[in-house]
N, C-alpha and C. Protein backbone atom coordinates (compact mmCIF):
# COMPACT_ATOMS: atom_id res chain seq x y z
N UNK A 1 0.85 -1.17 0.00
CA UNK A 1 0.00 0.00 0.00
C UNK A 1 0.89 1.23 0.00
N UNK A 2 0.60 2.16 -0.89
CA UNK A 2 1.37 3.39 -0.99
C UNK A 2 0.96 4.40 0.06
N UNK A 3 1.77 5.45 0.18
CA UNK A 3 1.52 6.49 1.18
C UNK A 3 0.19 7.20 0.94
N UNK A 4 -0.14 7.49 -0.32
CA UNK A 4 -1.39 8.18 -0.63
C UNK A 4 -2.60 7.32 -0.24
N UNK A 5 -2.53 6.03 -0.56
CA UNK A 5 -3.63 5.13 -0.22
C UNK A 5 -3.77 5.00 1.29
N UNK A 6 -2.65 4.91 2.00
CA UNK A 6 -2.66 4.84 3.45
C UNK A 6 -3.29 6.11 4.03
N UNK A 7 -2.90 7.27 3.53
CA UNK A 7 -3.45 8.54 4.02
C UNK A 7 -4.94 8.64 3.77
N UNK A 8 -5.42 8.14 2.63
CA UNK A 8 -6.86 8.13 2.35
C UNK A 8 -7.58 7.22 3.35
N UNK A 9 -7.00 6.06 3.63
CA UNK A 9 -7.61 5.13 4.59
C UNK A 9 -7.68 5.75 5.98
N UNK A 10 -6.61 6.41 6.40
CA UNK A 10 -6.58 7.04 7.72
C UNK A 10 -7.61 8.17 7.78
N UNK A 11 -7.70 8.98 6.72
CA UNK A 11 -8.69 10.06 6.68
C UNK A 11 -10.11 9.50 6.76
N UNK A 12 -10.37 8.42 6.04
CA UNK A 12 -11.68 7.78 6.08
C UNK A 12 -12.00 7.30 7.50
N UNK A 13 -11.03 6.62 8.13
CA UNK A 13 -11.26 6.10 9.48
C UNK A 13 -11.43 7.24 10.49
N UNK A 14 -10.71 8.34 10.31
CA UNK A 14 -10.87 9.48 11.20
C UNK A 14 -12.28 10.05 11.09
N UNK A 15 -12.79 10.19 9.85
CA UNK A 15 -14.15 10.71 9.66
C UNK A 15 -15.19 9.76 10.27
N UNK A 16 -15.00 8.47 10.08
CA UNK A 16 -15.95 7.50 10.62
C UNK A 16 -15.89 7.51 12.15
N UNK A 17 -14.69 7.58 12.72
CA UNK A 17 -14.53 7.64 14.16
C UNK A 17 -15.25 8.88 14.71
N UNK A 18 -15.09 10.02 14.02
CA UNK A 18 -15.75 11.26 14.45
C UNK A 18 -17.27 11.08 14.44
N UNK A 19 -17.78 10.42 13.42
CA UNK A 19 -19.23 10.18 13.34
C UNK A 19 -19.71 9.32 14.52
N UNK A 20 -18.94 8.30 14.87
CA UNK A 20 -19.30 7.46 16.02
C UNK A 20 -19.28 8.30 17.30
N UNK A 21 -18.26 9.15 17.46
CA UNK A 21 -18.15 9.98 18.67
C UNK A 21 -19.30 10.98 18.75
N UNK A 22 -19.68 11.57 17.62
CA UNK A 22 -20.80 12.50 17.62
C UNK A 22 -22.11 11.77 17.96
N UNK A 23 -22.25 10.58 17.45
CA UNK A 23 -23.47 9.80 17.68
C UNK A 23 -23.57 9.32 19.13
N UNK A 24 -22.51 8.76 19.66
CA UNK A 24 -22.57 8.14 20.98
C UNK A 24 -22.01 9.01 22.10
N UNK A 25 -21.49 10.20 21.78
CA UNK A 25 -20.90 11.06 22.78
C UNK A 25 -21.90 11.94 23.53
N UNK A 26 -23.10 12.04 23.02
CA UNK A 26 -24.13 12.86 23.68
C UNK A 26 -24.74 12.08 24.84
N UNK A 27 -25.55 12.76 25.65
CA UNK A 27 -26.24 12.07 26.74
C UNK A 27 -27.17 11.00 26.20
N UNK A 28 -27.87 11.31 25.11
CA UNK A 28 -28.75 10.31 24.49
C UNK A 28 -27.94 9.13 23.96
N UNK A 29 -26.80 9.43 23.33
CA UNK A 29 -25.93 8.37 22.83
C UNK A 29 -25.41 7.48 23.95
N UNK A 30 -25.09 8.09 25.09
CA UNK A 30 -24.63 7.32 26.24
C UNK A 30 -25.75 6.42 26.78
N UNK A 31 -26.98 6.92 26.74
CA UNK A 31 -28.12 6.11 27.17
C UNK A 31 -28.30 4.90 26.24
N UNK A 32 -28.12 5.13 24.95
CA UNK A 32 -28.20 4.01 23.99
C UNK A 32 -27.10 3.00 24.28
N UNK A 33 -25.88 3.47 24.53
CA UNK A 33 -24.78 2.55 24.84
C UNK A 33 -25.08 1.72 26.08
N UNK A 34 -25.67 2.33 27.10
CA UNK A 34 -26.02 1.59 28.31
C UNK A 34 -27.01 0.47 27.98
N UNK A 35 -27.96 0.75 27.11
CA UNK A 35 -28.92 -0.28 26.69
C UNK A 35 -28.20 -1.37 25.89
N UNK A 36 -27.29 -0.95 25.00
CA UNK A 36 -26.58 -1.92 24.18
C UNK A 36 -25.65 -2.81 25.01
N UNK A 37 -25.11 -2.29 26.10
CA UNK A 37 -24.27 -3.11 26.98
C UNK A 37 -25.05 -4.34 27.42
N UNK A 38 -26.31 -4.15 27.80
CA UNK A 38 -27.15 -5.28 28.23
C UNK A 38 -27.55 -6.15 27.04
N UNK A 39 -28.09 -5.50 26.01
CA UNK A 39 -28.62 -6.23 24.86
C UNK A 39 -27.54 -7.04 24.14
N UNK A 40 -26.34 -6.48 24.06
CA UNK A 40 -25.26 -7.12 23.31
C UNK A 40 -24.38 -8.02 24.18
N UNK A 41 -24.74 -8.18 25.45
CA UNK A 41 -23.96 -8.99 26.38
C UNK A 41 -22.50 -8.56 26.40
N UNK A 42 -22.29 -7.26 26.47
CA UNK A 42 -20.94 -6.71 26.41
C UNK A 42 -20.09 -7.11 27.61
N UNK A 43 -20.72 -7.35 28.75
CA UNK A 43 -19.95 -7.66 29.96
C UNK A 43 -20.24 -9.04 30.52
N UNK A 44 -20.96 -9.84 29.76
CA UNK A 44 -21.26 -11.21 30.19
C UNK A 44 -20.95 -12.18 29.06
N UNK A 45 -20.99 -13.44 29.39
CA UNK A 45 -20.72 -14.45 28.37
C UNK A 45 -21.82 -14.48 27.31
N UNK A 46 -21.43 -14.83 26.11
CA UNK A 46 -22.39 -14.97 25.02
C UNK A 46 -22.91 -16.40 24.91
N UNK A 47 -22.31 -17.29 25.65
CA UNK A 47 -22.69 -18.71 25.57
C UNK A 47 -24.10 -18.93 26.12
N UNK A 48 -24.91 -19.61 25.32
CA UNK A 48 -26.24 -20.04 25.76
C UNK A 48 -26.17 -21.57 25.79
N UNK A 49 -26.01 -22.15 26.98
CA UNK A 49 -25.83 -23.60 27.08
C UNK A 49 -26.92 -24.37 26.34
N UNK A 50 -26.47 -25.28 25.49
CA UNK A 50 -27.39 -26.14 24.76
C UNK A 50 -28.04 -25.50 23.55
N UNK A 51 -27.70 -24.26 23.23
CA UNK A 51 -28.32 -23.59 22.09
C UNK A 51 -27.26 -22.87 21.26
N UNK A 52 -26.71 -23.60 20.30
CA UNK A 52 -25.63 -23.09 19.45
C UNK A 52 -26.06 -21.86 18.67
N UNK A 53 -27.27 -21.88 18.13
CA UNK A 53 -27.76 -20.75 17.32
C UNK A 53 -27.88 -19.48 18.15
N UNK A 54 -28.47 -19.56 19.34
CA UNK A 54 -28.60 -18.38 20.20
C UNK A 54 -27.24 -17.88 20.66
N UNK A 55 -26.29 -18.78 20.85
CA UNK A 55 -24.93 -18.37 21.20
C UNK A 55 -24.32 -17.54 20.08
N UNK A 56 -24.49 -17.99 18.85
CA UNK A 56 -23.94 -17.26 17.71
C UNK A 56 -24.63 -15.90 17.52
N UNK A 57 -25.93 -15.85 17.75
CA UNK A 57 -26.65 -14.58 17.67
C UNK A 57 -26.12 -13.61 18.72
N UNK A 58 -25.94 -14.09 19.94
CA UNK A 58 -25.41 -13.25 21.02
C UNK A 58 -24.00 -12.77 20.70
N UNK A 59 -23.19 -13.63 20.13
CA UNK A 59 -21.82 -13.23 19.77
C UNK A 59 -21.83 -12.18 18.67
N UNK A 60 -22.77 -12.28 17.74
CA UNK A 60 -22.90 -11.27 16.69
C UNK A 60 -23.28 -9.91 17.27
N UNK A 61 -24.17 -9.91 18.23
CA UNK A 61 -24.54 -8.66 18.90
C UNK A 61 -23.32 -8.06 19.61
N UNK A 62 -22.58 -8.92 20.29
CA UNK A 62 -21.40 -8.45 21.02
C UNK A 62 -20.36 -7.87 20.07
N UNK A 63 -20.22 -8.48 18.90
CA UNK A 63 -19.26 -7.99 17.91
C UNK A 63 -19.62 -6.57 17.47
N UNK A 64 -20.90 -6.29 17.31
CA UNK A 64 -21.33 -4.94 16.94
C UNK A 64 -20.98 -3.96 18.05
N UNK A 65 -21.25 -4.33 19.30
CA UNK A 65 -20.91 -3.46 20.42
C UNK A 65 -19.41 -3.18 20.47
N UNK A 66 -18.60 -4.20 20.23
CA UNK A 66 -17.15 -4.02 20.24
C UNK A 66 -16.72 -3.06 19.14
N UNK A 67 -17.34 -3.15 17.99
CA UNK A 67 -17.00 -2.22 16.89
C UNK A 67 -17.28 -0.77 17.30
N UNK A 68 -18.42 -0.56 17.94
CA UNK A 68 -18.76 0.79 18.40
C UNK A 68 -17.71 1.28 19.39
N UNK A 69 -17.37 0.47 20.37
CA UNK A 69 -16.41 0.92 21.38
C UNK A 69 -15.00 1.08 20.80
N UNK A 70 -14.66 0.29 19.80
CA UNK A 70 -13.36 0.49 19.12
C UNK A 70 -13.30 1.89 18.52
N UNK A 71 -14.38 2.29 17.86
CA UNK A 71 -14.40 3.60 17.22
C UNK A 71 -14.46 4.74 18.23
N UNK A 72 -14.93 4.46 19.42
CA UNK A 72 -14.96 5.50 20.45
C UNK A 72 -13.63 5.65 21.17
N UNK A 73 -12.83 4.58 21.21
CA UNK A 73 -11.64 4.59 22.06
C UNK A 73 -10.30 4.45 21.34
N UNK A 74 -10.30 4.04 20.10
CA UNK A 74 -9.04 3.92 19.36
C UNK A 74 -8.89 5.08 18.40
N UNK A 75 -7.65 5.49 18.13
CA UNK A 75 -7.45 6.54 17.13
C UNK A 75 -7.45 5.91 15.74
N UNK A 76 -7.42 6.73 14.71
CA UNK A 76 -7.54 6.24 13.33
C UNK A 76 -6.42 5.26 12.97
N UNK A 77 -5.20 5.53 13.41
CA UNK A 77 -4.08 4.64 13.11
C UNK A 77 -4.27 3.28 13.80
N UNK A 78 -4.78 3.30 15.04
CA UNK A 78 -5.04 2.03 15.75
C UNK A 78 -6.17 1.25 15.08
N UNK A 79 -7.21 1.96 14.64
CA UNK A 79 -8.29 1.29 13.91
C UNK A 79 -7.77 0.64 12.64
N UNK A 80 -6.92 1.38 11.92
CA UNK A 80 -6.34 0.84 10.68
C UNK A 80 -5.55 -0.43 10.99
N UNK A 81 -4.73 -0.39 12.03
CA UNK A 81 -3.93 -1.55 12.40
C UNK A 81 -4.83 -2.73 12.78
N UNK A 82 -5.87 -2.44 13.54
CA UNK A 82 -6.79 -3.49 13.98
C UNK A 82 -7.47 -4.14 12.78
N UNK A 83 -7.98 -3.33 11.85
CA UNK A 83 -8.68 -3.87 10.70
C UNK A 83 -7.72 -4.47 9.67
N UNK A 84 -6.44 -4.17 9.81
CA UNK A 84 -5.41 -4.76 8.96
C UNK A 84 -4.89 -6.07 9.56
N UNK A 85 -5.48 -6.47 10.69
CA UNK A 85 -5.11 -7.75 11.31
C UNK A 85 -3.91 -7.68 12.23
N UNK A 86 -3.50 -6.48 12.59
CA UNK A 86 -2.35 -6.34 13.49
C UNK A 86 -2.82 -6.10 14.92
N UNK A 87 -1.96 -6.40 15.87
CA UNK A 87 -2.26 -6.18 17.28
C UNK A 87 -2.18 -4.68 17.59
N UNK A 88 -3.07 -4.20 18.42
CA UNK A 88 -3.08 -2.79 18.80
C UNK A 88 -2.76 -2.71 20.28
N UNK A 89 -1.71 -1.97 20.60
CA UNK A 89 -1.35 -1.75 22.00
C UNK A 89 -1.18 -0.27 22.22
N UNK A 90 -1.68 0.20 23.33
CA UNK A 90 -1.55 1.61 23.68
C UNK A 90 -0.81 1.69 25.01
N UNK A 91 0.12 2.61 25.09
CA UNK A 91 0.85 2.80 26.32
C UNK A 91 -0.02 3.54 27.32
N UNK A 92 0.15 3.25 28.60
CA UNK A 92 -0.61 3.93 29.63
C UNK A 92 -0.34 5.43 29.54
N UNK A 93 -1.40 6.22 29.57
CA UNK A 93 -1.27 7.66 29.49
C UNK A 93 -1.30 8.20 28.07
N UNK A 94 -1.24 7.34 27.09
CA UNK A 94 -1.29 7.77 25.67
C UNK A 94 -2.70 8.24 25.37
N UNK A 95 -2.84 9.29 24.59
CA UNK A 95 -4.15 9.82 24.27
C UNK A 95 -4.58 9.43 22.88
N UNK A 96 -5.88 9.54 22.63
CA UNK A 96 -6.43 9.24 21.31
C UNK A 96 -6.69 10.53 20.58
N UNK A 97 -6.91 10.43 19.26
CA UNK A 97 -7.26 11.63 18.50
C UNK A 97 -8.74 11.92 18.63
N UNK A 98 -9.17 13.07 18.17
CA UNK A 98 -10.59 13.48 18.34
C UNK A 98 -11.51 12.69 17.48
């Protein structure tokens, strides 16, 4: 991937990240996130004993919640690395972009 293509990808991810922050950064957006935490099983197991299909549905919901939180907490370069299949690590105290 060339520098121009990389810069376009980063600009795209920055715009998308900004859209997520505008959507979920308000009080109403925070209320929606609180609902999604429960609905998407963000803090509990997705396993439904004895029901493979419901387990997969719950995992799909959780995956959507994780995508939202990735866009709220990672910067554009970290999102690019994550979606490029690389590990993302942030040093303690490191800040994210807007």
